Amino acid sequence: MIYDVLADIGFILGEIAYPPPVENRQEIHDKTRKAYAETLPAQLASISKFLGSNDWMAGNHLTYVDFYAYDILDDNRKLFDPKHINQFPNLVAYLRRIEELKGVKEFLASPAFQPMLIMGPLALFGGSETRVPTE
């Protein structure tokens, strides 16, 4: 269930980044981005409620869904005002737990970790922002 919620969010981010190639493309982008930003707090509240006081999305078990959730939440933290995620201490702690995992922590601190675009270079959104480790 939570994977589907996260996939929907990822799909919407893609729609914002890549509106159809029509004359009013920028207008569609702006309208879609604004509408998404208005719903973001409620979406994050839903994810926060699902996570609750658990360490991971599946309770005490780390699964691939946690890495997908990290990616979606981290993208939102970078593409929108981080204050939205910061309103949910359990999500902030969750992101930090992922970043502190053995292997992940070492990779993020290594020269092998390179900033990358969140979306492709042709995107109207997320194509110029870079991904950097959080502090």
N, C-alpha and C. Protein backbone atom coordinates (compact mmCIF):
# COMPACT_ATOMS: atom_id res chain seq x y z
N MET A 1 0.82 -1.19 0.00
CA MET A 1 0.00 0.00 0.00
C MET A 1 0.87 1.27 0.00
N ILE A 2 1.83 1.37 0.91
CA ILE A 2 2.64 2.58 0.99
C ILE A 2 3.47 2.75 -0.28
N TYR A 3 3.89 1.63 -0.89
CA TYR A 3 4.64 1.72 -2.14
C TYR A 3 3.79 2.40 -3.20
N ASP A 4 2.52 2.06 -3.27
CA ASP A 4 1.63 2.66 -4.26
C ASP A 4 1.45 4.16 -4.03
N VAL A 5 1.34 4.57 -2.77
CA VAL A 5 1.24 5.99 -2.44
C VAL A 5 2.50 6.72 -2.90
N LEU A 6 3.65 6.13 -2.61
CA LEU A 6 4.92 6.74 -3.02
C LEU A 6 5.04 6.78 -4.54
N ALA A 7 4.62 5.72 -5.21
CA ALA A 7 4.67 5.69 -6.68
C ALA A 7 3.78 6.77 -7.27
N ASP A 8 2.61 6.99 -6.68
CA ASP A 8 1.74 8.06 -7.16
C ASP A 8 2.42 9.42 -7.03
N ILE A 9 3.09 9.64 -5.90
CA ILE A 9 3.80 10.91 -5.70
C ILE A 9 4.90 11.06 -6.74
N GLY A 10 5.66 10.00 -6.97
CA GLY A 10 6.72 10.04 -7.98
C GLY A 10 6.17 10.32 -9.37
N PHE A 11 5.03 9.72 -9.69
CA PHE A 11 4.40 9.95 -10.99
C PHE A 11 4.00 11.41 -11.15
N ILE A 12 3.41 11.98 -10.10
CA ILE A 12 2.99 13.38 -10.15
C ILE A 12 4.21 14.30 -10.31
N LEU A 13 5.30 13.99 -9.62
CA LEU A 13 6.52 14.80 -9.79
C LEU A 13 6.98 14.76 -11.23
N GLY A 14 6.87 13.59 -11.86
CA GLY A 14 7.21 13.47 -13.28
C GLY A 14 6.30 14.30 -14.17
N GLU A 15 5.01 14.32 -13.85
CA GLU A 15 4.07 15.13 -14.62
C GLU A 15 4.38 16.62 -14.49
N ILE A 16 4.80 17.02 -13.30
CA ILE A 16 5.17 18.43 -13.10
C ILE A 16 6.41 18.76 -13.92
N ALA A 17 7.38 17.88 -13.88
CA ALA A 17 8.66 18.12 -14.57
C ALA A 17 8.52 18.09 -16.08
N TYR A 18 7.66 17.22 -16.59
CA TYR A 18 7.54 17.02 -18.02
C TYR A 18 6.10 17.21 -18.50
N PRO A 19 5.60 18.45 -18.49
CA PRO A 19 4.25 18.67 -19.01
C PRO A 19 4.24 18.41 -20.52
N PRO A 20 3.06 18.21 -21.07
CA PRO A 20 2.99 17.91 -22.51
C PRO A 20 3.57 19.05 -23.35
N PRO A 21 4.16 18.71 -24.49
CA PRO A 21 4.78 19.73 -25.35
C PRO A 21 3.73 20.52 -26.14
N VAL A 22 2.99 21.34 -25.44
CA VAL A 22 1.96 22.17 -26.06
C VAL A 22 2.31 23.64 -25.83
N GLU A 23 1.56 24.50 -26.48
CA GLU A 23 1.85 25.94 -26.43
C GLU A 23 1.86 26.49 -25.00
N ASN A 24 0.94 26.04 -24.16
CA ASN A 24 0.85 26.56 -22.80
C ASN A 24 1.56 25.64 -21.79
N ARG A 25 2.63 25.03 -22.22
CA ARG A 25 3.38 24.08 -21.40
C ARG A 25 3.80 24.68 -20.05
N GLN A 26 4.33 25.88 -20.05
CA GLN A 26 4.78 26.51 -18.82
C GLN A 26 3.60 26.76 -17.88
N GLU A 27 2.49 27.17 -18.44
CA GLU A 27 1.29 27.42 -17.63
C GLU A 27 0.81 26.13 -16.96
N ILE A 28 0.80 25.04 -17.72
CA ILE A 28 0.40 23.73 -17.18
C ILE A 28 1.36 23.34 -16.05
N HIS A 29 2.65 23.53 -16.30
CA HIS A 29 3.66 23.22 -15.28
C HIS A 29 3.42 24.02 -14.00
N ASP A 30 3.25 25.32 -14.14
CA ASP A 30 3.07 26.19 -12.98
C ASP A 30 1.82 25.82 -12.19
N LYS A 31 0.73 25.55 -12.90
CA LYS A 31 -0.53 25.20 -12.25
C LYS A 31 -0.41 23.85 -11.52
N THR A 32 0.19 22.87 -12.18
CA THR A 32 0.35 21.55 -11.58
C THR A 32 1.29 21.59 -10.38
N ARG A 33 2.36 22.34 -10.50
CA ARG A 33 3.32 22.46 -9.40
C ARG A 33 2.68 23.14 -8.18
N LYS A 34 1.91 24.19 -8.43
CA LYS A 34 1.25 24.90 -7.34
C LYS A 34 0.23 23.98 -6.65
N ALA A 35 -0.55 23.26 -7.43
CA ALA A 35 -1.56 22.35 -6.86
C ALA A 35 -0.88 21.25 -6.04
N TYR A 36 0.22 20.73 -6.54
CA TYR A 36 0.95 19.69 -5.80
C TYR A 36 1.49 20.25 -4.49
N ALA A 37 2.09 21.42 -4.54
CA ALA A 37 2.66 22.03 -3.34
C ALA A 37 1.59 22.23 -2.27
N GLU A 38 0.37 22.53 -2.70
CA GLU A 38 -0.72 22.72 -1.74
C GLU A 38 -1.15 21.42 -1.08
N THR A 39 -0.98 20.30 -1.79
CA THR A 39 -1.38 19.00 -1.23
C THR A 39 -0.22 18.29 -0.52
N LEU A 40 0.99 18.79 -0.69
CA LEU A 40 2.16 18.11 -0.13
C LEU A 40 2.06 17.90 1.38
N PRO A 41 1.69 18.91 2.18
CA PRO A 41 1.60 18.67 3.63
C PRO A 41 0.67 17.51 3.99
N ALA A 42 -0.46 17.41 3.31
CA ALA A 42 -1.39 16.31 3.60
C ALA A 42 -0.81 14.96 3.19
N GLN A 43 -0.11 14.94 2.06
CA GLN A 43 0.52 13.68 1.63
C GLN A 43 1.60 13.25 2.61
N LEU A 44 2.39 14.21 3.06
CA LEU A 44 3.44 13.89 4.03
C LEU A 44 2.83 13.45 5.36
N ALA A 45 1.73 14.05 5.74
CA ALA A 45 1.04 13.65 6.98
C ALA A 45 0.58 12.20 6.88
N SER A 46 0.11 11.81 5.72
CA SER A 46 -0.33 10.43 5.51
C SER A 46 0.85 9.45 5.62
N ILE A 47 1.96 9.80 5.02
CA ILE A 47 3.15 8.95 5.10
C ILE A 47 3.66 8.90 6.54
N SER A 48 3.66 10.04 7.19
CA SER A 48 4.09 10.12 8.59
C SER A 48 3.21 9.23 9.48
N LYS A 49 1.92 9.28 9.26
CA LYS A 49 0.98 8.47 10.04
C LYS A 49 1.23 6.99 9.78
N PHE A 50 1.48 6.63 8.53
CA PHE A 50 1.75 5.22 8.21
C PHE A 50 3.01 4.74 8.91
N LEU A 51 4.06 5.55 8.86
CA LEU A 51 5.33 5.18 9.51
C LEU A 51 5.17 5.12 11.01
N GLY A 52 4.44 6.08 11.57
CA GLY A 52 4.23 6.11 13.01
C GLY A 52 5.53 6.14 13.77
N SER A 53 5.65 5.29 14.77
CA SER A 53 6.87 5.24 15.58
C SER A 53 7.80 4.11 15.13
N ASN A 54 7.47 3.49 13.99
CA ASN A 54 8.32 2.42 13.46
C ASN A 54 9.62 2.97 12.92
N ASP A 55 10.63 2.14 12.91
CA ASP A 55 11.90 2.53 12.29
C ASP A 55 11.81 2.51 10.77
N TRP A 56 11.05 1.56 10.24
CA TRP A 56 10.98 1.34 8.79
C TRP A 56 9.52 1.22 8.35
N MET A 57 9.29 1.30 7.08
CA MET A 57 7.93 1.24 6.55
C MET A 57 7.26 -0.10 6.85
N ALA A 58 8.06 -1.17 6.98
CA ALA A 58 7.52 -2.49 7.31
C ALA A 58 7.74 -2.81 8.79
N GLY A 59 7.68 -1.80 9.62
CA GLY A 59 7.85 -2.01 11.06
C GLY A 59 9.32 -2.04 11.44
N ASN A 60 9.78 -3.20 11.87
CA ASN A 60 11.18 -3.36 12.28
C ASN A 60 12.06 -3.93 11.18
N HIS A 61 11.51 -4.05 9.97
CA HIS A 61 12.24 -4.69 8.88
C HIS A 61 12.53 -3.69 7.75
N LEU A 62 13.79 -3.49 7.46
CA LEU A 62 14.21 -2.65 6.35
C LEU A 62 13.94 -3.41 5.05
N THR A 63 13.25 -2.75 4.11
CA THR A 63 12.96 -3.38 2.81
C THR A 63 13.28 -2.39 1.69
N TYR A 64 13.15 -2.85 0.46
CA TYR A 64 13.39 -1.99 -0.69
C TYR A 64 12.46 -0.78 -0.69
N VAL A 65 11.29 -0.91 -0.09
CA VAL A 65 10.34 0.21 -0.05
C VAL A 65 10.95 1.39 0.72
N ASP A 66 11.78 1.10 1.71
CA ASP A 66 12.41 2.17 2.47
C ASP A 66 13.35 3.00 1.60
N PHE A 67 14.05 2.36 0.69
CA PHE A 67 14.94 3.10 -0.20
C PHE A 67 14.15 3.92 -1.21
N TYR A 68 13.03 3.37 -1.66
CA TYR A 68 12.16 4.11 -2.56
C TYR A 68 11.53 5.29 -1.83
N ALA A 69 11.08 5.06 -0.60
CA ALA A 69 10.50 6.14 0.21
C ALA A 69 11.54 7.23 0.44
N TYR A 70 12.76 6.83 0.72
CA TYR A 70 13.83 7.82 0.92
C TYR A 70 13.98 8.68 -0.33
N ASP A 71 14.02 8.05 -1.48
CA ASP A 71 14.20 8.79 -2.72
C ASP A 71 13.07 9.80 -2.94
N ILE A 72 11.84 9.37 -2.75
CA ILE A 72 10.69 10.26 -2.96
C ILE A 72 10.69 11.39 -1.93
N LEU A 73 10.91 11.06 -0.67
CA LEU A 73 10.92 12.09 0.38
C LEU A 73 12.08 13.06 0.21
N ASP A 74 13.23 12.53 -0.15
CA ASP A 74 14.40 13.38 -0.36
C ASP A 74 14.20 14.31 -1.55
N ASP A 75 13.61 13.80 -2.62
CA ASP A 75 13.31 14.66 -3.77
C ASP A 75 12.38 15.80 -3.37
N ASN A 76 11.35 15.47 -2.60
CA ASN A 76 10.42 16.51 -2.15
C ASN A 76 11.11 17.51 -1.23
N ARG A 77 12.01 17.02 -0.41
CA ARG A 77 12.75 17.90 0.50
C ARG A 77 13.61 18.88 -0.30
N LYS A 78 14.12 18.46 -1.44
CA LYS A 78 14.99 19.31 -2.24
C LYS A 78 14.23 20.18 -3.24
N LEU A 79 13.13 19.67 -3.77
CA LEU A 79 12.40 20.40 -4.80
C LEU A 79 11.37 21.38 -4.24
N PHE A 80 10.95 21.14 -3.01
CA PHE A 80 10.00 22.03 -2.35
C PHE A 80 10.64 22.50 -1.06
N ASP A 81 10.00 23.36 -0.38
CA ASP A 81 10.54 23.89 0.87
C ASP A 81 10.70 22.75 1.87
N PRO A 82 11.92 22.55 2.42
CA PRO A 82 12.13 21.46 3.38
C PRO A 82 11.29 21.59 4.65
N LYS A 83 10.70 22.76 4.87
CA LYS A 83 9.88 22.94 6.07
C LYS A 83 8.72 21.96 6.08
N HIS A 84 8.27 21.53 4.90
CA HIS A 84 7.16 20.58 4.85
C HIS A 84 7.54 19.27 5.53
N ILE A 85 8.69 18.73 5.19
CA ILE A 85 9.14 17.48 5.82
C ILE A 85 9.52 17.73 7.26
N ASN A 86 10.12 18.87 7.53
CA ASN A 86 10.57 19.17 8.89
C ASN A 86 9.42 19.26 9.89
N GLN A 87 8.19 19.38 9.40
CA GLN A 87 7.02 19.40 10.29
C GLN A 87 6.73 18.02 10.88
N PHE A 88 7.40 16.99 10.35
CA PHE A 88 7.15 15.62 10.78
C PHE A 88 8.45 15.02 11.32
N PRO A 89 8.65 15.12 12.63
CA PRO A 89 9.91 14.62 13.21
C PRO A 89 10.19 13.16 12.89
N ASN A 90 9.14 12.34 12.77
CA ASN A 90 9.40 10.93 12.46
C ASN A 90 9.92 10.75 11.03
N LEU A 91 9.52 11.62 10.10
CA LEU A 91 10.06 11.54 8.74
C LEU A 91 11.49 12.05 8.68
N VAL A 92 11.78 13.10 9.44
CA VAL A 92 13.16 13.61 9.51
C VAL A 92 14.07 12.53 10.08
N ALA A 93 13.63 11.89 11.15
CA ALA A 93 14.42 10.82 11.77
C ALA A 93 14.56 9.63 10.83
N TYR A 94 13.50 9.34 10.09
CA TYR A 94 13.52 8.24 9.12
C TYR A 94 14.57 8.49 8.03
N LEU A 95 14.57 9.69 7.47
CA LEU A 95 15.56 10.02 6.45
C LEU A 95 16.98 9.91 7.02
N ARG A 96 17.15 10.37 8.22
CA ARG A 96 18.46 10.30 8.86
C ARG A 96 18.88 8.84 9.09
N ARG A 97 17.92 7.98 9.47
CA ARG A 97 18.25 6.56 9.68
C ARG A 97 18.75 5.92 8.39
N ILE A 98 18.11 6.26 7.28
CA ILE A 98 18.56 5.72 5.98
C ILE A 98 19.98 6.21 5.70
N GLU A 99 20.21 7.50 5.90
CA GLU A 99 21.52 8.10 5.62
C GLU A 99 22.61 7.55 6.54
N GLU A 100 22.24 7.02 7.69
CA GLU A 100 23.21 6.49 8.65
C GLU A 100 23.44 4.98 8.50
N LEU A 101 22.71 4.34 7.59
CA LEU A 101 22.91 2.90 7.39
C LEU A 101 24.34 2.61 6.94
N LYS A 102 24.87 1.50 7.46
CA LYS A 102 26.20 1.07 7.04
C LYS A 102 26.19 0.88 5.52
N GLY A 103 27.15 1.40 4.88
CA GLY A 103 27.24 1.35 3.43
C GLY A 103 26.69 2.63 2.81
N VAL A 104 25.51 3.03 3.21
CA VAL A 104 24.93 4.28 2.69
C VAL A 104 25.73 5.47 3.21
N LYS A 105 25.99 5.47 4.50
CA LYS A 105 26.74 6.57 5.11
C LYS A 105 28.12 6.71 4.48
N GLU A 106 28.79 5.59 4.31
CA GLU A 106 30.13 5.61 3.71
C GLU A 106 30.07 6.09 2.26
N PHE A 107 29.05 5.63 1.54
CA PHE A 107 28.93 6.05 0.14
C PHE A 107 28.67 7.55 0.03
N LEU A 108 27.76 8.07 0.85
CA LEU A 108 27.44 9.50 0.80
C LEU A 108 28.65 10.37 1.13
N ALA A 109 29.57 9.84 1.94
CA ALA A 109 30.77 10.60 2.33
C ALA A 109 31.94 10.36 1.38
N SER A 110 31.78 9.47 0.42
CA SER A 110 32.91 9.10 -0.45
C SER A 110 32.94 9.94 -1.73
N PRO A 111 34.10 9.95 -2.39
CA PRO A 111 34.19 10.65 -3.68
C PRO A 111 33.33 9.99 -4.77
N ALA A 112 32.92 8.76 -4.54
CA ALA A 112 32.07 8.08 -5.52
C ALA A 112 30.68 8.69 -5.59
N PHE A 113 30.27 9.34 -4.50
CA PHE A 113 28.96 9.99 -4.48
C PHE A 113 29.07 11.30 -5.23
N GLN A 114 28.36 11.41 -6.32
CA GLN A 114 28.38 12.61 -7.15
C GLN A 114 27.00 13.22 -7.20
N PRO A 115 26.92 14.54 -7.05
CA PRO A 115 25.61 15.19 -7.21
C PRO A 115 25.04 14.86 -8.59
N MET A 116 23.75 14.70 -8.64
CA MET A 116 23.09 14.40 -9.91
C MET A 116 21.77 15.14 -10.00
N LEU A 117 21.29 15.27 -11.22
CA LEU A 117 19.99 15.89 -11.41
C LEU A 117 18.90 15.01 -10.82
N ILE A 118 17.89 15.64 -10.29
CA ILE A 118 16.75 14.88 -9.78
C ILE A 118 15.89 14.44 -10.96
N MET A 119 15.70 15.33 -11.90
CA MET A 119 15.00 15.01 -13.14
C MET A 119 16.00 15.21 -14.28
N GLY A 120 15.60 14.87 -15.48
CA GLY A 120 16.48 15.03 -16.62
C GLY A 120 16.68 16.48 -17.00
N PRO A 121 17.70 16.76 -17.80
CA PRO A 121 18.01 18.15 -18.14
C PRO A 121 16.93 18.86 -18.94
N LEU A 122 16.01 18.15 -19.55
CA LEU A 122 14.93 18.78 -20.32
C LEU A 122 13.71 19.11 -19.47
N ALA A 123 13.74 18.72 -18.21
CA ALA A 123 12.60 18.95 -17.32
C ALA A 123 12.45 20.44 -17.03
N LEU A 124 11.21 20.86 -16.83
CA LEU A 124 10.94 22.23 -16.41
C LEU A 124 11.12 22.39 -14.91
N PHE A 125 11.37 21.29 -14.23
CA PHE A 125 11.38 21.25 -12.77
C PHE A 125 12.33 20.14 -12.34
N GLY A 126 13.29 20.47 -11.50
CA GLY A 126 14.20 19.45 -11.00
C GLY A 126 15.33 19.07 -11.93
N GLY A 127 15.44 19.76 -13.05
CA GLY A 127 16.48 19.44 -14.01
C GLY A 127 17.78 20.18 -13.78
N SER A 128 17.77 21.17 -12.90
CA SER A 128 19.00 21.91 -12.62
C SER A 128 19.41 21.82 -11.16
N GLU A 129 18.48 21.40 -10.29
CA GLU A 129 18.83 21.24 -8.88
C GLU A 129 19.70 20.00 -8.74
N THR A 130 20.62 20.04 -7.83
CA THR A 130 21.47 18.87 -7.62
C THR A 130 21.16 18.23 -6.30
N ARG A 131 21.46 16.99 -6.23
CA ARG A 131 21.24 16.19 -5.03
C ARG A 131 22.53 16.21 -4.22
N VAL A 132 22.43 16.61 -3.00
CA VAL A 132 23.60 16.65 -2.13
C VAL A 132 23.26 15.96 -0.82
N PRO A 133 24.23 15.40 -0.15
CA PRO A 133 23.93 14.77 1.14
C PRO A 133 23.39 15.81 2.13
N THR A 134 22.47 15.38 2.96
CA THR A 134 21.95 16.28 3.98
C THR A 134 22.87 16.27 5.18
N GLU A 135 22.82 17.34 5.96
CA GLU A 135 23.70 17.45 7.11
C GLU A 135 23.05 16.86 8.33
